[in-house]
Amino acid sequence: MSVETGSGFDRGAALGSDSLSGTRGFLGLAGRRGGMASGIAEVRGPEASRRRDAMFRRMLLVADVVAIVAAFTLTVALSNRSLQLTWAALVGLPILVVCAKVTGLYDRDETLLRKTTLDEAPKLFQLATLCALVAWLTGGVMVRGVLDRHEALFLWLALAAGLVFARAASRMIALRLAPAERCLLIGDDIAADTIRAKLTDHSGVKAEVVAHLDLDKVEPWSTDSFSATRLAEIRDLAQTLDVHRAIIAPRSADAGEMLNLVRTLKAVGVRVSVLPRLLEVVGSSVEFDDLHGVTVMGVRRFDLTRSSAAFKRGFDLLGSSLGLLAISPLLIVIAIAIKLDSRGPVFFRQQRVGRHGNRFGMFKFRTMVPNAEALKDSLRHRNEAKDGLFKIAEDPRITRVGRLLRRSALDELPQLLNIVRGEMSLVGPRPLVVEEDQRVEGWHRRRLELTPGMTGPWQILGPSRVPLKEMVAIDYLYVANWSLWSDVKILLRTVPHVLGRRGL
């Protein structure tokens, strides 16, 4: 593909060298007035994009059917009474699939770059609850014989777990089978670099930026009316590049410009994702309010209410207490191994900055030689982290047992004691060391409104890949958007991240 001087059109990956006609036509957008041409409804997007979306929908449908059938079959098989499935159960199956379709469980993936199952878990629990209640209350209709309370509870648990895990597995398979989603990035160079980094080596995402259009380097958008000729130019360009999705990072204050661009891209069947400028500050902590035909975004309060703080603290106490009780034998074995491997204390307490800037000693199993802090300055030239963080992949200060503890994240387990003491939470912003905290300025310091966490949104992204500036922004958005369900999702994603460095 030839690059036109001054057009702002950058070559992407594997675009070829053929010259494209109609590039300037692509930059001309729909007018503010006038309707679409009569043939616009017939314009279709790239066939590969539709096939990719269809693959995900079909895989999810198969996953739901398998999960529902397996849950009912398992409930009947494990019952100590003579229960049997009836023909009415076969009629109920498509009804449940229709309910899933109505609630949007098959249509989310085509709008999202990151295919994730945990975000839709509440809807899956609702579907499982509906299914279990109908099977229980209509005794004898779907199951020959009446389900007792224990069997109904088992059916509900089997349905909920089955739907979540079957969908996660189906998405994993679909991501392996489907071709990468080809994206056209419309925005400046900074946005392009950020999006390329986010599309690389992250779970649930299989996409690549094949072309980049910098809005600051192109001529202003045209206000010509929407014509069939212009749509044909846009369609031909999208087909030539085989674009499945456009990612827009707007910088202009003219909303009409962006709206015309979105309408044009969607009219030719290209998926559109937008990085909204306002949400860079408030995240998704908004409620959409319909003010008699005018949409207003209400921003939720930043800090937690007293009841929310109490729920979070109760969740922390319950989880940490049960955790300490369950892993106490493992803690004893690790302590003995540390003492046998090297001289020094079993635990290491490091000064961290907690809620409201208060400092506390964070417990960890000692994984380094006793004089590790004194050796830090001599190793700064090997630092692999960015923006003030200090991390070395093969740190020579780590002991043999310490290396095993770090790889398995078992060195973090003593932080459950900090949670019981109220200094930390199960999930929250990362507690920074004093040196790192001094680099955090401005509104990013609002991250200290919540108790720091044993795990959090930053940790499951991969600490060595996220610079300090981006990390504190992620923590800020976590605080702004906190909910108990978000904590549960992060905990669930931490497990596969620790075990296999990947998430659901």
Protein backbone atom coordinates (compact mmCIF):
# COMPACT_ATOMS: atom_id res chain seq x y z
CA MET A 1 0.00 0.00 0.00
CA SER A 2 1.43 3.39 -0.95
CA VAL A 3 1.42 6.13 1.69
CA GLU A 4 0.06 9.42 0.43
CA THR A 5 2.17 12.38 1.61
CA GLY A 6 0.39 14.35 4.30
CA SER A 7 -2.58 12.02 4.42
CA GLY A 8 -1.70 10.59 7.83
CA PHE A 9 -2.28 7.07 6.58
CA ASP A 10 0.33 4.79 8.14
CA ARG A 11 1.18 1.36 6.87
CA GLY A 12 0.05 -1.46 9.20
CA ALA A 13 1.08 -5.08 9.42
CA ALA A 14 0.90 -7.22 6.27
CA LEU A 15 -0.99 -4.73 4.11
CA GLY A 16 0.82 -5.47 0.90
CA SER A 17 2.21 -2.97 -1.58
CA ASP A 18 -0.65 -2.36 -3.99
CA SER A 19 -1.79 1.22 -4.34
CA LEU A 20 -5.32 1.86 -3.10
CA SER A 21 -7.74 4.14 -4.82
CA GLY A 22 -10.35 6.02 -2.88
CA THR A 23 -8.22 6.92 0.17
CA ARG A 24 -9.27 10.53 -0.02
CA GLY A 25 -12.85 9.40 -0.48
CA PHE A 26 -12.59 7.43 2.73
CA LEU A 27 -11.76 10.63 4.58
CA GLY A 28 -14.97 12.29 3.40
CA LEU A 29 -17.84 11.56 5.77
CA ALA A 30 -21.59 11.81 5.91
CA GLY A 31 -23.20 15.20 6.11
CA ARG A 32 -25.06 16.55 9.10
CA ARG A 33 -28.23 16.80 7.10
CA GLY A 34 -30.00 14.50 4.73
CA GLY A 35 -30.76 10.83 4.86
CA MET A 36 -28.93 7.85 3.52
CA ALA A 37 -29.13 6.82 -0.08
CA SER A 38 -31.70 4.22 -0.92
CA GLY A 39 -29.06 1.53 -1.47
CA ILE A 40 -27.31 1.96 1.87
CA ALA A 41 -29.34 -0.69 3.68
CA GLU A 42 -28.04 -3.23 1.18
CA VAL A 43 -24.36 -2.48 1.92
CA ARG A 44 -22.81 -5.31 3.93
CA GLY A 45 -19.61 -5.49 5.95
CA PRO A 46 -16.68 -7.81 5.34
CA GLU A 47 -17.74 -11.43 5.05
CA ALA A 48 -14.85 -12.59 7.26
CA SER A 49 -16.09 -10.40 10.12
CA ARG A 50 -19.60 -11.85 9.93
CA ARG A 51 -18.26 -15.40 9.85
CA ARG A 52 -16.06 -14.67 12.87
CA ASP A 53 -19.02 -13.30 14.85
CA ALA A 54 -21.16 -16.25 13.81
CA MET A 55 -18.50 -18.69 15.05
CA PHE A 56 -18.60 -17.17 18.54
CA ARG A 57 -22.41 -17.21 18.64
CA ARG A 58 -22.59 -20.86 17.57
CA MET A 59 -19.90 -21.92 20.02
CA LEU A 60 -21.75 -20.18 22.85
CA LEU A 61 -25.01 -21.83 21.80
CA VAL A 62 -23.37 -25.26 21.88
CA ALA A 63 -21.83 -24.45 25.28
CA ASP A 64 -25.20 -23.47 26.75
CA VAL A 65 -26.94 -26.60 25.44
CA VAL A 66 -24.18 -28.87 26.74
CA ALA A 67 -24.18 -27.17 30.16
CA ILE A 68 -27.97 -27.35 30.58
CA VAL A 69 -28.25 -30.97 29.43
CA ALA A 70 -25.29 -31.98 31.61
CA ALA A 71 -26.72 -30.26 34.69
CA PHE A 72 -30.12 -31.96 34.39
CA THR A 73 -28.58 -35.35 33.56
CA LEU A 74 -26.18 -35.13 36.50
CA THR A 75 -28.96 -34.12 38.91
CA VAL A 76 -31.12 -37.06 37.86
CA ALA A 77 -28.21 -39.54 37.87
CA LEU A 78 -27.01 -38.58 41.35
CA SER A 79 -30.47 -38.60 42.91
CA ASN A 80 -31.19 -41.51 45.25
CA ARG A 81 -34.77 -41.56 43.97
CA SER A 82 -36.17 -42.77 40.64
CA LEU A 83 -36.16 -39.45 38.76
CA GLN A 84 -36.34 -39.30 34.97
CA LEU A 85 -36.28 -36.52 32.41
CA THR A 86 -39.50 -36.07 30.42
CA TRP A 87 -40.11 -35.00 26.85
CA ALA A 88 -41.16 -31.59 28.20
CA ALA A 89 -37.53 -31.01 29.13
CA LEU A 90 -36.67 -31.03 25.42
CA VAL A 91 -39.25 -28.29 24.87
CA GLY A 92 -37.81 -26.28 27.77
CA LEU A 93 -34.32 -26.36 26.28
CA PRO A 94 -35.02 -24.04 23.31
CA ILE A 95 -37.04 -21.79 25.63
CA LEU A 96 -33.96 -21.32 27.82
CA VAL A 97 -31.85 -20.60 24.73
CA VAL A 98 -34.40 -17.97 23.66
CA CYS A 99 -34.21 -16.41 27.15
CA ALA A 100 -30.43 -16.23 26.82
CA LYS A 101 -30.82 -14.60 23.40
CA VAL A 102 -33.32 -12.03 24.71
CA THR A 103 -30.94 -11.00 27.51
CA GLY A 104 -28.13 -10.42 24.97
CA LEU A 105 -25.92 -13.36 25.93
CA TYR A 106 -25.16 -14.22 22.28
CA ASP A 107 -24.60 -10.71 20.95
CA ARG A 108 -22.01 -9.20 23.33
CA ASP A 109 -18.93 -10.64 21.68
CA GLU A 110 -19.38 -8.92 18.34
CA THR A 111 -19.21 -5.50 20.03
CA LEU A 112 -16.22 -6.35 22.24
CA LEU A 113 -12.53 -6.71 21.51
CA ARG A 114 -11.94 -8.69 24.69
CA LYS A 115 -14.08 -11.80 24.93
CA THR A 116 -14.71 -12.49 28.62
CA THR A 117 -17.12 -14.74 30.50
CA LEU A 118 -16.96 -13.39 34.05
CA ASP A 119 -18.53 -10.06 33.05
CA GLU A 120 -21.72 -11.84 31.99
CA ALA A 121 -21.79 -14.19 35.01
CA PRO A 122 -24.65 -12.28 36.75
CA LYS A 123 -26.90 -12.89 33.73
CA LEU A 124 -25.85 -16.54 33.66
CA PHE A 125 -26.75 -16.88 37.35
CA GLN A 126 -30.15 -15.35 36.59
CA LEU A 127 -30.67 -17.85 33.77
CA ALA A 128 -29.64 -20.74 36.05
CA THR A 129 -31.97 -19.49 38.79
CA LEU A 130 -34.91 -19.26 36.38
CA CYS A 131 -34.25 -22.74 35.03
CA ALA A 132 -33.89 -24.34 38.48
CA LEU A 133 -37.01 -22.62 39.84
CA VAL A 134 -39.13 -23.71 36.87
CA ALA A 135 -37.90 -27.32 37.20
CA TRP A 136 -38.64 -27.29 40.96
CA LEU A 137 -42.01 -25.51 40.94
CA THR A 138 -43.42 -27.44 37.97
CA GLY A 139 -42.81 -30.78 39.65
CA GLY A 140 -43.46 -33.68 37.29
CA VAL A 141 -43.40 -31.61 34.09
CA MET A 142 -39.70 -31.49 33.18
CA VAL A 143 -38.62 -34.23 35.60
CA ARG A 144 -40.77 -37.27 36.34
CA GLY A 145 -40.96 -37.01 40.09
CA VAL A 146 -40.68 -33.94 42.33
CA LEU A 147 -37.27 -32.40 43.03
CA ASP A 148 -36.64 -31.84 46.72
CA ARG A 149 -34.84 -28.74 47.99
CA HIS A 150 -31.40 -30.33 47.97
CA GLU A 151 -31.79 -31.58 44.40
CA ALA A 152 -33.08 -28.19 43.25
CA LEU A 153 -30.09 -26.48 44.91
CA PHE A 154 -27.69 -28.94 43.27
CA LEU A 155 -29.36 -28.32 39.89
CA TRP A 156 -28.95 -24.56 40.33
CA LEU A 157 -25.27 -24.86 41.27
CA ALA A 158 -24.61 -27.27 38.40
CA LEU A 159 -26.33 -24.95 35.92
CA ALA A 160 -24.52 -21.83 37.14
CA ALA A 161 -21.08 -23.47 37.18
CA GLY A 162 -21.70 -25.36 33.94
CA LEU A 163 -22.78 -22.27 32.00
CA VAL A 164 -19.78 -20.23 33.18
CA PHE A 165 -17.15 -22.88 32.52
CA ALA A 166 -18.69 -24.14 29.27
CA ARG A 167 -18.82 -20.59 27.89
CA ALA A 168 -15.26 -19.88 29.00
CA ALA A 169 -14.09 -23.06 27.27
CA SER A 170 -16.07 -22.30 24.10
CA ARG A 171 -14.59 -18.81 23.88
CA MET A 172 -11.11 -20.22 24.36
CA ILE A 173 -11.67 -22.66 21.51
CA ALA A 174 -13.25 -20.02 19.28
CA LEU A 175 -10.32 -17.66 19.85
CA ARG A 176 -7.92 -20.38 18.75
CA LEU A 177 -9.94 -21.25 15.64
CA ALA A 178 -11.00 -17.77 14.56
CA PRO A 179 -8.65 -15.54 12.55
CA ALA A 180 -7.30 -12.42 14.23
CA GLU A 181 -9.67 -9.45 14.16
CA ARG A 182 -8.17 -6.87 11.78
CA CYS A 183 -8.45 -3.35 13.16
CA LEU A 184 -8.12 0.11 11.65
CA LEU A 185 -6.95 2.55 14.34
CA ILE A 186 -8.13 6.14 13.95
CA GLY A 187 -6.25 8.38 16.37
CA ASP A 188 -2.86 9.86 17.23
CA ASP A 189 0.43 7.99 17.63
CA ILE A 190 0.15 7.75 21.42
CA ALA A 191 -3.25 6.06 21.17
CA ALA A 192 -1.89 3.74 18.47
CA ASP A 193 1.03 2.62 20.65
CA THR A 194 -1.29 2.08 23.64
CA ILE A 195 -3.82 0.02 21.71
CA ARG A 196 -1.14 -2.09 20.02
CA ALA A 197 0.29 -2.92 23.45
CA LYS A 198 -3.13 -3.86 24.81
CA LEU A 199 -3.87 -6.14 21.85
CA THR A 200 -0.62 -8.06 22.38
CA ASP A 201 -0.29 -10.98 24.79
CA HIS A 202 -3.52 -10.41 26.71
CA SER A 203 -6.10 -13.10 27.41
CA GLY A 204 -9.44 -13.01 25.65
CA VAL A 205 -8.10 -10.82 22.82
CA LYS A 206 -7.12 -11.88 19.31
CA ALA A 207 -6.79 -8.74 17.23
CA GLU A 208 -4.16 -6.76 15.35
CA VAL A 209 -3.86 -3.20 14.09
CA VAL A 210 -3.40 -3.44 10.32
CA ALA A 211 -3.56 0.29 9.57
CA HIS A 212 -3.37 3.60 11.42
CA LEU A 213 -5.05 6.86 10.44
CA ASP A 214 -3.92 9.95 12.37
CA LEU A 215 -6.73 12.50 12.52
CA ASP A 216 -4.29 15.36 13.16
CA LYS A 217 -2.61 14.80 9.79
CA VAL A 218 -5.62 14.58 7.47
CA GLU A 219 -7.81 17.22 5.94
CA PRO A 220 -11.01 18.15 7.86
CA TRP A 221 -13.95 15.81 7.47
CA SER A 222 -16.18 16.61 4.56
CA THR A 223 -19.77 17.70 5.15
CA ASP A 224 -21.01 16.30 1.85
CA SER A 225 -24.23 14.33 2.02
CA PHE A 226 -24.18 10.56 2.32
CA SER A 227 -24.00 9.20 -1.20
CA ALA A 228 -23.91 5.72 -2.65
CA THR A 229 -20.61 6.58 -4.38
CA ARG A 230 -18.94 7.58 -1.11
CA LEU A 231 -20.24 4.46 0.62
CA ALA A 232 -18.86 2.38 -2.23
CA GLU A 233 -15.41 3.97 -1.75
CA ILE A 234 -15.46 3.26 1.98
CA ARG A 235 -16.69 -0.29 1.39
CA ASP A 236 -13.97 -0.94 -1.20
CA LEU A 237 -11.26 0.38 1.14
CA ALA A 238 -12.53 -1.75 4.05
CA GLN A 239 -12.63 -4.82 1.81
CA THR A 240 -9.17 -4.15 0.36
CA LEU A 241 -7.67 -3.89 3.85
CA ASP A 242 -10.01 -6.64 5.08
CA VAL A 243 -10.91 -4.46 8.09
CA HIS A 244 -13.18 -6.05 10.68
CA ARG A 245 -13.22 -3.27 13.28
CA ALA A 246 -12.33 0.41 13.57
CA ILE A 247 -10.94 1.69 16.88
CA ILE A 248 -11.44 5.44 17.26
CA ALA A 249 -9.46 7.54 19.75
CA PRO A 250 -10.96 11.02 19.21
CA ARG A 251 -9.17 14.22 20.18
CA SER A 252 -11.47 16.71 18.50
CA ALA A 253 -14.15 18.46 20.53
CA ASP A 254 -16.53 18.29 17.57
CA ALA A 255 -18.90 15.46 18.45
CA GLY A 256 -20.62 15.73 15.07
CA GLU A 257 -17.37 14.82 13.32
CA MET A 258 -17.01 11.61 15.31
CA LEU A 259 -20.69 10.76 14.97
CA ASN A 260 -20.46 11.02 11.18
CA LEU A 261 -17.39 8.81 11.20
CA VAL A 262 -19.07 6.15 13.35
CA ARG A 263 -22.19 6.17 11.18
CA THR A 264 -20.13 5.81 8.01
CA LEU A 265 -18.12 2.88 9.32
CA LYS A 266 -21.16 1.04 10.70
CA ALA A 267 -23.07 1.59 7.47
CA VAL A 268 -20.55 -0.59 5.63
CA GLY A 269 -20.57 -3.32 8.27
CA VAL A 270 -17.33 -2.44 10.12
CA ARG A 271 -17.44 -2.92 13.90
CA VAL A 272 -16.66 0.26 15.83
CA SER A 273 -14.98 0.71 19.21
CA VAL A 274 -14.45 4.19 20.69
CA LEU A 275 -12.11 5.36 23.44
CA PRO A 276 -14.27 8.05 25.10
CA ARG A 277 -12.28 10.99 26.43
CA LEU A 278 -14.50 11.60 29.47
CA LEU A 279 -14.31 7.99 30.62
CA GLU A 280 -10.51 8.25 30.84
CA VAL A 281 -11.19 10.16 34.07
CA VAL A 282 -14.42 8.66 35.46
CA GLY A 283 -14.12 5.17 33.99
CA SER A 284 -17.44 3.34 33.80
CA SER A 285 -18.61 4.86 37.09
CA VAL A 286 -21.60 6.48 35.42
CA GLU A 287 -25.32 5.89 35.30
CA PHE A 288 -27.16 6.89 32.13
CA ASP A 289 -30.14 9.09 32.97
CA ASP A 290 -32.91 9.74 30.43
CA LEU A 291 -33.97 13.34 31.13
CA HIS A 292 -37.11 13.46 28.98
CA GLY A 293 -35.28 12.59 25.78
CA VAL A 294 -31.86 14.00 26.74
CA THR A 295 -29.22 11.52 27.91
CA VAL A 296 -27.30 12.70 30.96
CA MET A 297 -24.45 10.78 32.56
CA GLY A 298 -24.55 10.81 36.34
CA VAL A 299 -21.12 10.13 37.88
CA ARG A 300 -21.26 7.98 41.01
CA ARG A 301 -19.49 9.04 44.20
CA PHE A 302 -15.82 8.19 44.30
CA ASP A 303 -15.48 6.81 47.82
CA LEU A 304 -17.44 3.94 49.37
CA THR A 305 -20.58 4.40 51.40
CA ARG A 306 -20.51 3.14 54.99
CA SER A 307 -22.57 0.09 54.09
CA SER A 308 -20.33 -0.73 51.10
CA ALA A 309 -17.21 -0.36 53.25
CA ALA A 310 -18.78 -2.66 55.85
CA PHE A 311 -19.60 -5.28 53.20
CA LYS A 312 -16.07 -5.11 51.82
CA ARG A 313 -14.53 -5.44 55.29
CA GLY A 314 -16.80 -8.37 56.17
CA PHE A 315 -15.88 -10.08 52.89
CA ASP A 316 -12.18 -9.56 53.68
CA LEU A 317 -12.45 -10.94 57.22
CA LEU A 318 -14.39 -14.01 56.12
CA GLY A 319 -12.09 -14.77 53.20
CA SER A 320 -8.81 -14.20 55.05
CA SER A 321 -9.89 -16.16 58.15
CA LEU A 322 -11.04 -19.16 56.13
CA GLY A 323 -7.92 -18.90 53.99
CA LEU A 324 -5.54 -18.93 56.97
CA LEU A 325 -7.38 -21.87 58.49
CA ALA A 326 -7.26 -23.86 55.24
CA ILE A 327 -3.59 -23.27 54.40
CA SER A 328 -2.07 -23.36 57.92
CA PRO A 329 -0.30 -26.72 57.28
CA LEU A 330 1.19 -25.29 54.07
CA LEU A 331 2.42 -22.19 55.93
CA ILE A 332 4.26 -24.39 58.46
CA VAL A 333 5.96 -26.40 55.70
CA ILE A 334 7.09 -23.22 53.89
CA ALA A 335 8.46 -21.73 57.12
CA ILE A 336 10.55 -24.85 57.79
CA ALA A 337 11.88 -24.85 54.20
CA ILE A 338 12.97 -21.20 54.45
CA LYS A 339 14.87 -21.83 57.71
CA LEU A 340 16.61 -24.86 56.24
CA ASP A 341 17.59 -23.06 53.03
CA SER A 342 19.24 -19.92 54.45
CA ARG A 343 19.85 -18.02 57.64
CA GLY A 344 17.51 -15.22 58.60
CA PRO A 345 13.88 -14.67 59.61
CA VAL A 346 10.95 -16.54 58.06
CA PHE A 347 8.93 -13.39 57.39
CA PHE A 348 9.94 -10.16 55.69
CA ARG A 349 8.15 -6.92 56.58
CA GLN A 350 8.40 -4.13 54.04
CA GLN A 351 7.18 -0.58 54.61
CA ARG A 352 4.25 0.15 52.29
CA VAL A 353 1.87 3.09 51.94
CA GLY A 354 -1.70 2.17 52.80
CA ARG A 355 -5.07 3.86 53.02
CA HIS A 356 -4.99 7.64 53.45
CA GLY A 357 -1.20 7.52 53.17
CA ASN A 358 -0.65 5.62 56.42
CA ARG A 359 2.39 3.36 56.39
CA PHE A 360 2.36 -0.27 57.51
CA GLY A 361 4.59 -3.33 57.40
CA MET A 362 3.45 -5.78 54.72
CA PHE A 363 4.12 -9.43 55.56
CA LYS A 364 5.75 -11.75 53.02
CA PHE A 365 7.74 -14.93 53.23
CA ARG A 366 11.42 -14.05 52.97
CA THR A 367 12.62 -14.96 49.47
CA MET A 368 15.92 -13.06 49.40
CA VAL A 369 19.19 -13.04 51.29
CA PRO A 370 19.03 -11.01 54.54
CA ASN A 371 21.04 -8.04 53.10
CA ALA A 372 18.98 -7.78 49.88
CA GLU A 373 18.03 -4.11 50.36
CA ALA A 374 21.69 -3.10 50.71
CA LEU A 375 22.45 -4.76 47.34
CA LYS A 376 19.65 -2.94 45.49
CA ASP A 377 21.68 0.09 44.37
CA SER A 378 24.35 -2.10 42.80
CA LEU A 379 21.70 -3.82 40.64
CA ARG A 380 19.78 -0.79 39.33
CA HIS A 381 21.45 -1.06 35.92
CA ARG A 382 19.64 -4.42 35.45
CA ASN A 383 16.18 -3.03 36.26
CA GLU A 384 13.56 -4.27 33.73
CA ALA A 385 10.50 -2.38 35.01
CA LYS A 386 9.43 1.09 33.91
CA ASP A 387 8.76 4.49 35.45
CA GLY A 388 10.28 4.04 38.89
CA LEU A 389 9.42 0.41 39.57
CA PHE A 390 12.24 -2.03 40.35
CA LYS A 391 12.05 -5.59 39.05
CA ILE A 392 14.65 -8.05 37.73
CA ALA A 393 13.56 -11.35 36.19
CA GLU A 394 16.63 -13.29 37.39
CA ASP A 395 17.42 -11.41 40.59
CA PRO A 396 20.65 -12.80 42.12
CA ARG A 397 19.47 -11.89 45.64
CA ILE A 398 16.70 -14.54 45.56
CA THR A 399 17.30 -17.80 47.44
CA ARG A 400 16.54 -21.26 46.04
CA VAL A 401 13.35 -21.68 48.09
CA GLY A 402 12.52 -18.03 47.45
CA ARG A 403 12.60 -18.55 43.69
CA LEU A 404 10.08 -21.38 43.99
CA LEU A 405 7.86 -19.30 46.28
CA ARG A 406 7.87 -16.37 43.87
CA ARG A 407 7.06 -18.45 40.82
CA SER A 408 4.06 -19.95 42.61
CA ALA A 409 3.16 -16.65 44.37
CA LEU A 410 3.21 -18.50 47.71
CA ASP A 411 5.41 -15.76 49.20
CA GLU A 412 2.31 -13.50 49.20
CA LEU A 413 0.25 -15.74 51.52
CA PRO A 414 1.31 -14.05 54.82
CA GLN A 415 -0.49 -10.91 53.63
CA LEU A 416 -3.64 -12.63 54.88
CA LEU A 417 -2.40 -11.52 58.33
CA ASN A 418 -2.38 -7.90 57.13
CA ILE A 419 -5.98 -8.37 55.97
CA VAL A 420 -7.06 -9.67 59.40
CA ARG A 421 -5.32 -6.67 61.02
CA GLY A 422 -7.25 -4.29 58.73
CA GLU A 423 -4.13 -2.96 56.96
CA MET A 424 -4.94 -4.64 53.64
CA SER A 425 -7.89 -6.01 51.71
CA LEU A 426 -8.29 -9.11 49.55
CA VAL A 427 -8.70 -6.87 46.50
CA GLY A 428 -7.63 -3.27 46.13
CA PRO A 429 -5.00 -0.88 44.78
CA ARG A 430 -1.44 -2.15 44.99
CA PRO A 431 0.34 -0.97 48.18
CA LEU A 432 3.37 0.94 46.94
CA VAL A 433 6.71 1.23 48.67
CA VAL A 434 7.48 4.72 49.96
CA GLU A 435 9.82 5.53 47.06
CA GLU A 436 7.17 4.64 44.46
CA ASP A 437 4.36 6.43 46.32
CA GLN A 438 6.31 9.71 46.25
CA ARG A 439 6.14 9.61 42.44
CA VAL A 440 2.32 9.54 42.45
CA GLU A 441 0.84 13.02 42.14
CA GLY A 442 -2.43 14.83 41.48
CA TRP A 443 -5.76 13.05 41.17
CA HIS A 444 -3.97 9.68 40.98
CA ARG A 445 -3.50 9.91 44.76
CA ARG A 446 -7.23 9.28 45.12
CA ARG A 447 -6.26 5.61 44.81
CA LEU A 448 -5.44 5.83 48.53
CA GLU A 449 -9.14 6.23 49.35
CA LEU A 450 -9.40 2.41 49.45
CA THR A 451 -7.46 -0.08 51.53
CA PRO A 452 -4.63 -1.61 49.43
CA GLY A 453 -5.20 -5.15 48.22
CA MET A 454 -3.43 -8.50 48.18
CA THR A 455 -4.42 -8.64 44.52
CA GLY A 456 -6.02 -6.14 42.19
CA PRO A 457 -6.59 -5.06 38.59
CA TRP A 458 -2.93 -4.12 38.13
CA GLN A 459 -1.57 -7.44 39.37
CA ILE A 460 -3.60 -9.58 36.95
CA LEU A 461 -2.33 -7.55 33.98
CA GLY A 462 1.27 -8.51 34.63
CA PRO A 463 3.35 -6.18 36.84
CA SER A 464 6.45 -6.04 34.66
CA ARG A 465 4.48 -4.87 31.60
CA VAL A 466 2.60 -1.96 33.22
CA PRO A 467 4.49 1.28 33.95
CA LEU A 468 3.85 3.18 37.19
CA LYS A 469 1.83 5.97 35.54
CA GLU A 470 -0.57 3.51 33.92
CA MET A 471 -0.74 1.36 37.04
CA VAL A 472 -1.94 4.20 39.28
CA ALA A 473 -4.54 5.16 36.65
CA ILE A 474 -5.82 1.56 36.65
CA ASP A 475 -6.00 1.63 40.44
CA TYR A 476 -7.87 4.94 40.35
CA LEU A 477 -10.48 3.52 37.98
CA TYR A 478 -10.84 0.47 40.24
CA VAL A 479 -11.67 2.77 43.16
CA ALA A 480 -14.08 4.81 41.04
CA ASN A 481 -15.93 1.71 39.83
CA TRP A 482 -15.80 -0.48 42.95
CA SER A 483 -18.42 -3.16 43.55
CA LEU A 484 -18.35 -6.42 45.48
CA TRP A 485 -18.83 -8.29 42.20
CA SER A 486 -15.74 -6.58 40.74
CA ASP A 487 -13.74 -7.91 43.71
CA VAL A 488 -15.04 -11.43 43.10
CA LYS A 489 -14.12 -11.22 39.41
CA ILE A 490 -10.58 -10.08 40.18
CA LEU A 491 -10.13 -12.90 42.71
CA LEU A 492 -11.36 -15.45 40.17
CA ARG A 493 -9.03 -14.05 37.50
CA THR A 494 -6.09 -14.07 39.89
CA VAL A 495 -6.19 -17.87 40.21
CA PRO A 496 -5.59 -18.74 36.52
CA HIS A 497 -3.19 -15.80 36.24
CA VAL A 498 -1.01 -17.23 39.01
CA LEU A 499 -1.27 -20.80 37.76
CA GLY A 500 -0.80 -20.18 34.05
CA ARG A 501 -0.28 -16.45 33.57
CA ARG A 502 -3.61 -16.08 31.79
CA GLY A 503 -7.21 -15.15 32.71
CA LEU A 504 -10.75 -16.22 31.96
